Protein backbone atom coordinates (compact mmCIF):
# COMPACT_ATOMS: atom_id res chain seq x y z
CA MET A 1 37.10 53.36 -117.69
CA SER A 2 40.71 52.58 -116.91
CA GLN A 3 40.80 55.10 -114.07
CA THR A 4 37.62 53.70 -112.53
CA HIS A 5 39.08 50.19 -112.66
CA GLU A 6 42.26 51.35 -110.92
CA GLU A 7 40.22 53.05 -108.19
CA GLU A 8 38.27 49.85 -107.60
CA ASN A 9 41.53 47.87 -107.35
CA THR A 10 42.91 50.39 -104.88
CA LYS A 11 39.78 50.20 -102.72
CA SER A 12 39.90 46.38 -102.87
CA VAL A 13 43.51 46.36 -101.67
CA GLU A 14 42.64 48.79 -98.88
CA ARG A 15 39.78 46.54 -97.77
CA ILE A 16 42.10 43.52 -97.72
CA VAL A 17 44.66 45.44 -95.66
CA GLN A 18 41.97 46.61 -93.24
CA ARG A 19 40.63 43.09 -92.86
CA THR A 20 44.13 41.71 -92.33
CA VAL A 21 44.89 44.34 -89.67
CA LEU A 22 41.53 43.69 -88.00
CA PHE A 23 42.12 39.95 -88.07
CA GLY A 24 45.58 40.44 -86.55
CA LEU A 25 44.12 42.59 -83.77
CA LEU A 26 41.47 39.98 -83.03
CA VAL A 27 44.10 37.25 -82.88
CA ALA A 28 46.27 39.35 -80.54
CA LEU A 29 43.28 40.09 -78.30
CA ALA A 30 42.36 36.41 -78.27
CA LEU A 31 45.90 35.45 -77.28
CA VAL A 32 46.00 38.03 -74.47
CA ALA A 33 42.56 37.01 -73.26
CA GLY A 34 43.57 33.34 -73.42
CA TYR A 35 46.72 34.03 -71.43
CA TYR A 36 44.87 35.74 -68.58
CA LEU A 37 42.08 33.18 -68.70
CA ALA A 38 44.66 30.42 -68.38
CA ILE A 39 46.17 32.16 -65.35
CA ALA A 40 42.72 32.38 -63.79
CA LEU A 41 41.76 28.78 -64.55
CA ILE A 42 45.17 27.09 -64.11
CA PRO A 43 46.78 28.07 -60.78
CA THR A 44 50.49 28.80 -60.52
CA PRO A 45 52.37 25.63 -59.50
CA LYS A 46 53.47 25.65 -55.86
CA ILE A 47 56.26 24.14 -53.81
CA GLY A 48 54.90 23.46 -50.34
CA VAL A 49 57.12 23.72 -47.25
CA ILE A 50 56.40 21.49 -44.25
CA TYR A 51 58.23 22.16 -40.97
CA LEU A 52 59.40 19.50 -38.53
CA ASP A 53 60.75 21.72 -35.76
CA THR A 54 59.58 20.07 -32.53
CA GLN A 55 60.19 16.80 -30.76
CA VAL A 56 58.46 13.89 -32.49
CA GLY A 57 55.36 12.87 -30.55
CA GLY A 58 51.59 12.61 -30.74
CA PRO A 59 50.91 16.30 -31.54
CA THR A 60 53.60 16.20 -34.25
CA VAL A 61 51.93 13.18 -35.86
CA GLU A 62 48.53 14.88 -35.88
CA ALA A 63 49.80 18.15 -37.33
CA MET A 64 52.11 16.63 -39.93
CA SER A 65 49.50 14.06 -40.97
CA GLN A 66 47.13 16.90 -41.84
CA GLU A 67 49.80 18.76 -43.80
CA ILE A 68 51.17 15.73 -45.64
CA ASN A 69 47.67 14.62 -46.61
CA TYR A 70 46.82 18.14 -47.82
CA ALA A 71 50.05 18.43 -49.83
CA ARG A 72 49.43 15.03 -51.41
CA LYS A 73 45.91 15.93 -52.54
CA ALA A 74 46.44 19.60 -53.50
CA ARG A 75 46.66 19.78 -57.29
CA ASP A 76 48.64 23.02 -57.32
CA ILE A 77 51.36 21.70 -54.96
CA LYS A 78 53.80 19.93 -57.27
CA ALA A 79 56.68 19.28 -54.84
CA VAL A 80 57.41 19.49 -51.11
CA VAL A 81 60.38 20.70 -49.05
CA LEU A 82 60.59 19.24 -45.53
CA MET A 83 62.46 21.61 -43.19
CA VAL A 84 63.93 19.57 -40.33
CA ASN A 85 65.20 20.88 -36.99
CA SER A 86 64.29 18.25 -34.40
CA PRO A 87 65.95 16.06 -31.75
CA GLY A 88 63.63 13.17 -32.61
CA GLY A 89 61.29 11.51 -30.13
CA GLY A 90 58.99 8.51 -29.97
CA ALA A 91 59.73 5.56 -32.24
CA SER A 92 56.06 4.90 -32.94
CA SER A 93 55.41 8.54 -33.85
CA GLY A 94 58.49 8.58 -36.07
CA HIS A 95 57.30 5.45 -37.88
CA ASP A 96 53.88 7.01 -38.48
CA ILE A 97 55.26 10.12 -40.17
CA TYR A 98 57.98 8.17 -42.04
CA TYR A 99 55.40 5.92 -43.71
CA GLN A 100 53.27 8.94 -44.62
CA MET A 101 56.32 10.59 -46.16
CA ARG A 102 56.91 7.51 -48.30
CA LYS A 103 53.31 7.66 -49.48
CA LEU A 104 53.69 11.34 -50.43
CA ARG A 105 57.04 10.63 -52.10
CA ALA A 106 55.37 8.08 -54.38
CA GLU A 107 53.27 10.91 -55.86
CA LYS A 108 55.38 14.06 -55.56
CA PRO A 109 59.09 14.78 -55.05
CA ILE A 110 60.19 15.68 -51.52
CA VAL A 111 63.50 17.29 -50.60
CA ALA A 112 64.36 17.30 -46.90
CA SER A 113 66.46 20.26 -45.76
CA VAL A 114 68.22 19.93 -42.39
CA ASP A 115 68.63 23.21 -40.56
CA VAL A 116 70.53 22.53 -37.33
CA LEU A 117 69.52 19.03 -36.22
CA ALA A 118 67.95 15.86 -37.65
CA ALA A 119 68.43 13.29 -34.91
CA SER A 120 66.93 9.87 -34.21
CA ALA A 121 63.26 9.72 -35.28
CA ALA A 122 63.61 13.07 -37.08
CA TYR A 123 66.33 11.58 -39.27
CA GLN A 124 64.19 8.50 -39.96
CA ILE A 125 61.43 10.84 -41.18
CA ALA A 126 63.97 12.67 -43.37
CA VAL A 127 65.08 9.47 -45.12
CA GLY A 128 61.49 9.13 -46.34
CA ALA A 129 62.18 12.08 -48.67
CA THR A 130 63.36 11.79 -52.27
CA GLU A 131 66.63 13.55 -51.39
CA ILE A 132 68.20 15.09 -48.28
CA TYR A 133 70.08 18.40 -48.17
CA ALA A 134 71.92 19.72 -45.11
CA LYS A 135 74.29 22.49 -44.14
CA PRO A 136 77.97 21.69 -43.51
CA ALA A 137 77.50 22.33 -39.77
CA SER A 138 74.14 20.55 -39.40
CA PHE A 139 74.00 17.60 -36.98
CA ILE A 140 72.61 14.39 -38.48
CA GLY A 141 72.08 10.81 -37.32
CA ASN A 142 71.78 9.57 -33.71
CA ILE A 143 70.33 6.36 -35.14
CA GLY A 144 69.31 4.06 -32.31
CA VAL A 145 66.70 3.38 -29.63
CA ILE A 146 66.36 4.27 -25.95
CA VAL A 147 64.04 2.39 -23.56
CA GLY A 148 63.61 2.39 -19.82
CA LEU A 149 64.08 -0.88 -17.95
CA PRO A 150 60.90 -2.24 -16.29
CA ALA A 151 60.48 -2.19 -12.54
CA PRO A 152 60.95 -5.60 -10.92
CA GLU A 153 57.82 -7.62 -10.16
CA THR A 154 57.03 -7.40 -6.44
CA LEU A 155 54.53 -9.11 -4.16
CA SER A 156 51.70 -6.91 -2.95
CA GLU A 157 49.01 -7.32 -0.31
CA GLN A 158 46.84 -4.80 -2.21
CA PHE A 159 46.93 -6.08 -5.82
CA ILE A 160 47.17 -9.43 -7.54
CA THR A 161 48.02 -10.02 -11.23
CA THR A 162 47.16 -12.82 -13.65
CA GLY A 163 50.63 -13.09 -15.12
CA PRO A 164 54.23 -12.50 -14.09
CA PHE A 165 54.58 -9.43 -16.35
CA LYS A 166 51.07 -7.93 -16.09
CA ALA A 167 52.34 -5.16 -13.80
CA THR A 168 55.68 -4.61 -15.53
CA ALA A 169 54.82 -5.56 -19.18
CA PHE A 170 58.30 -6.99 -19.78
CA SER A 171 61.04 -8.86 -18.05
CA ALA A 172 64.47 -7.25 -18.02
CA THR A 173 65.60 -9.78 -20.63
CA GLY A 174 62.44 -9.38 -22.69
CA ILE A 175 62.80 -5.62 -22.97
CA VAL A 176 66.33 -6.05 -24.34
CA GLN A 177 65.02 -8.43 -26.99
CA LYS A 178 62.32 -5.94 -28.00
CA LEU A 179 64.89 -3.15 -27.97
CA ASP A 180 66.97 -5.22 -30.40
CA LEU A 181 63.99 -5.61 -32.76
CA LEU A 182 63.33 -1.86 -32.79
CA TYR A 183 67.03 -1.13 -33.21
CA ALA A 184 67.31 -3.46 -36.21
CA ASN A 185 64.16 -2.02 -37.78
CA PHE A 186 65.45 1.57 -37.50
CA ARG A 187 68.92 0.67 -38.76
CA ASP A 188 67.65 -1.45 -41.65
CA SER A 189 65.14 1.17 -42.83
CA VAL A 190 67.91 3.81 -42.94
CA VAL A 191 70.28 1.44 -44.74
CA ALA A 192 67.63 0.46 -47.32
CA GLU A 193 66.58 4.06 -48.01
CA ARG A 194 70.10 5.45 -48.24
CA LYS A 195 71.50 2.64 -50.39
CA ALA A 196 68.91 3.60 -53.03
CA ALA A 197 69.61 7.35 -52.69
CA PRO A 198 71.42 9.53 -55.26
CA ASN A 199 74.41 9.66 -52.88
CA PRO A 200 74.37 6.04 -51.64
CA LEU A 201 75.29 5.00 -48.13
CA LYS A 202 78.98 4.18 -47.71
CA LEU A 203 78.94 2.94 -44.10
CA ASP A 204 78.44 -0.64 -42.96
CA PRO A 205 75.04 -1.26 -41.29
CA ASP A 206 76.63 -1.67 -37.84
CA ALA A 207 78.50 1.63 -38.23
CA VAL A 208 75.26 3.43 -39.10
CA ALA A 209 73.49 2.71 -35.83
CA THR A 210 76.03 3.53 -33.12
CA GLY A 211 73.94 6.52 -32.07
CA GLU A 212 76.59 8.94 -33.31
CA LEU A 213 75.78 12.40 -34.63
CA TRP A 214 77.66 13.48 -37.75
CA VAL A 215 78.08 17.03 -39.02
CA GLY A 216 76.80 17.71 -42.54
CA LEU A 217 80.25 17.44 -44.10
CA GLU A 218 80.68 13.93 -42.66
CA ALA A 219 77.09 12.96 -43.46
CA LYS A 220 77.66 13.83 -47.12
CA GLU A 221 80.87 11.79 -47.20
CA HIS A 222 79.20 8.79 -45.55
CA GLY A 223 76.10 8.92 -47.76
CA LEU A 224 73.66 9.88 -45.00
CA ILE A 225 72.57 12.92 -47.04
CA ASP A 226 72.69 13.72 -50.75
CA GLU A 227 73.94 17.29 -50.97
CA LEU A 228 75.24 20.18 -48.90
CA GLY A 229 73.11 23.28 -49.29
CA SER A 230 70.65 25.75 -47.86
CA LYS A 231 66.87 25.83 -47.78
CA LEU A 232 66.91 27.73 -51.08
CA ASP A 233 69.06 25.01 -52.63
CA ALA A 234 66.53 22.42 -51.46
CA ILE A 235 63.67 24.46 -52.96
CA ASP A 236 65.54 24.76 -56.28
CA ARG A 237 66.13 21.01 -56.30
CA ALA A 238 62.48 20.27 -55.53
CA ALA A 239 61.46 22.50 -58.45
CA GLU A 240 63.93 20.71 -60.71
CA LEU A 241 62.60 17.28 -59.70
CA ALA A 242 59.05 18.48 -60.40
CA GLY A 243 60.04 20.02 -63.75
CA LEU A 244 59.06 23.55 -62.67
CA SER A 245 60.59 26.80 -63.91
CA HIS A 246 57.84 29.16 -62.70
CA TYR A 247 56.41 28.47 -59.25
CA GLU A 248 55.36 29.88 -55.89
CA VAL A 249 56.72 28.77 -52.51
CA VAL A 250 54.06 28.37 -49.80
CA ASN A 251 53.79 27.21 -46.20
CA VAL A 252 51.65 24.06 -46.26
CA ARG A 253 50.27 24.78 -42.79
CA ASP A 254 48.99 28.19 -43.94
CA GLU A 255 47.52 26.70 -47.12
CA TYR A 256 45.82 23.92 -45.16
CA LEU A 257 44.31 26.25 -42.55
CA SER A 258 43.20 28.71 -45.24
CA SER A 259 41.32 25.89 -46.97
CA LEU A 260 39.42 25.19 -43.72
CA GLU A 261 38.40 28.76 -42.86
CA GLY A 262 34.67 28.99 -42.24
CA THR A 263 34.26 25.22 -41.86
CA PRO A 264 33.55 23.17 -38.70
CA GLN A 265 36.99 21.54 -39.07
CA TYR A 266 38.90 24.81 -38.59
CA PRO A 267 38.71 25.01 -34.74
CA THR A 268 39.78 21.36 -34.46
CA ALA A 269 42.79 21.94 -36.70
CA MET A 270 43.79 25.07 -34.75
CA LYS A 271 43.59 23.12 -31.48
CA VAL A 272 46.08 20.58 -32.88
CA TYR A 273 48.56 23.35 -33.73
CA GLU A 274 48.11 25.04 -30.36
CA GLU A 275 48.96 21.76 -28.64
CA LEU A 276 51.96 21.31 -30.92
CA ASP A 277 53.26 24.84 -30.31
CA ASN A 278 52.87 24.45 -26.53
CA GLN A 279 55.09 21.36 -26.31
CA PRO A 280 57.99 21.84 -23.86
CA GLU A 281 61.46 21.84 -25.30
CA ILE A 282 63.66 18.82 -24.57
CA ASP A 283 66.33 19.62 -21.97
CA LEU A 284 68.61 16.65 -21.36
CA SER A 285 70.54 18.53 -18.69
CA ALA A 286 67.42 18.64 -16.49
CA GLN A 287 67.73 14.88 -15.99
CA SER A 288 71.44 14.89 -15.18
CA SER A 289 70.91 14.68 -11.40
CA ASP A 290 68.97 11.44 -11.86
CA TRP A 291 71.53 9.71 -14.06
CA PRO A 292 73.17 6.60 -12.58
CA SER A 293 76.83 6.52 -11.67
CA PHE A 294 77.46 3.83 -14.32
CA TYR A 295 76.31 3.23 -17.89
CA GLN A 296 74.92 0.03 -19.35
CA MET A 297 76.39 -0.87 -22.75
CA TYR A 298 73.95 -2.27 -25.33
CA ILE A 299 75.27 -5.03 -27.57
CA PRO A 300 72.89 -6.24 -30.33
CA LEU A 301 71.66 -9.79 -29.85
CA GLU A 302 71.86 -10.71 -33.53
């Protein structure tokens, strides 16, 4: 009887061990399956890169508006790096993108990374980012406004106008007053953004908007940028601001166009990028023969 009882105890222990091992295997399989299911259901977080590498104009606004809007709405894009290499351009176009950048910044961190040049409207767009990185030899600033003086009103035997400025839009004095308003708006937006930045602005407002270009080393010292570093440094900082340790870096343009493939919107989007890519490069030297023999100095009215 004693032997039979011992055999039953042995078999009972064996069954418990088998069940424990089986349970452990099931748990391990469930964990593995859960891991891969999570990967399938929860996409890898992404840092999206947006490029500003043309003059700032209508095509730039259209293209960047699409990309900024996509990056803002895409759930898997957790942060954005704005790569800047632009001489600037139209004030109105710069304002459009700057305000969109602020809207994106309110939802996701943005780190601007200056490659060679962030001048004029391109710099205003950059200050819409959470932080700005640049290389020591990057050129940054050129804060100011350029306008052409109106042609004088002349009498004509072919046309008549209902007002003294209908044909010219402005008087010579009036255009200077409007120039002053735009100048103050640009200067004040840069001052406000950079005073609240991690590396606050250290220049007086009037010193900011002389139109000067600073190299990255000077820009860091003056508080026009936050850190010196490369594109990779900017990506690392964007990941840090978003709290990411595991992520994928993607081109927002590619992601946006991929999302439109097979839809009626795809040809329209491609047309925008074709127009953007076909923009002529700015060549200031081409206008040198038309420059006057004297320069007019602008002094703010305020």
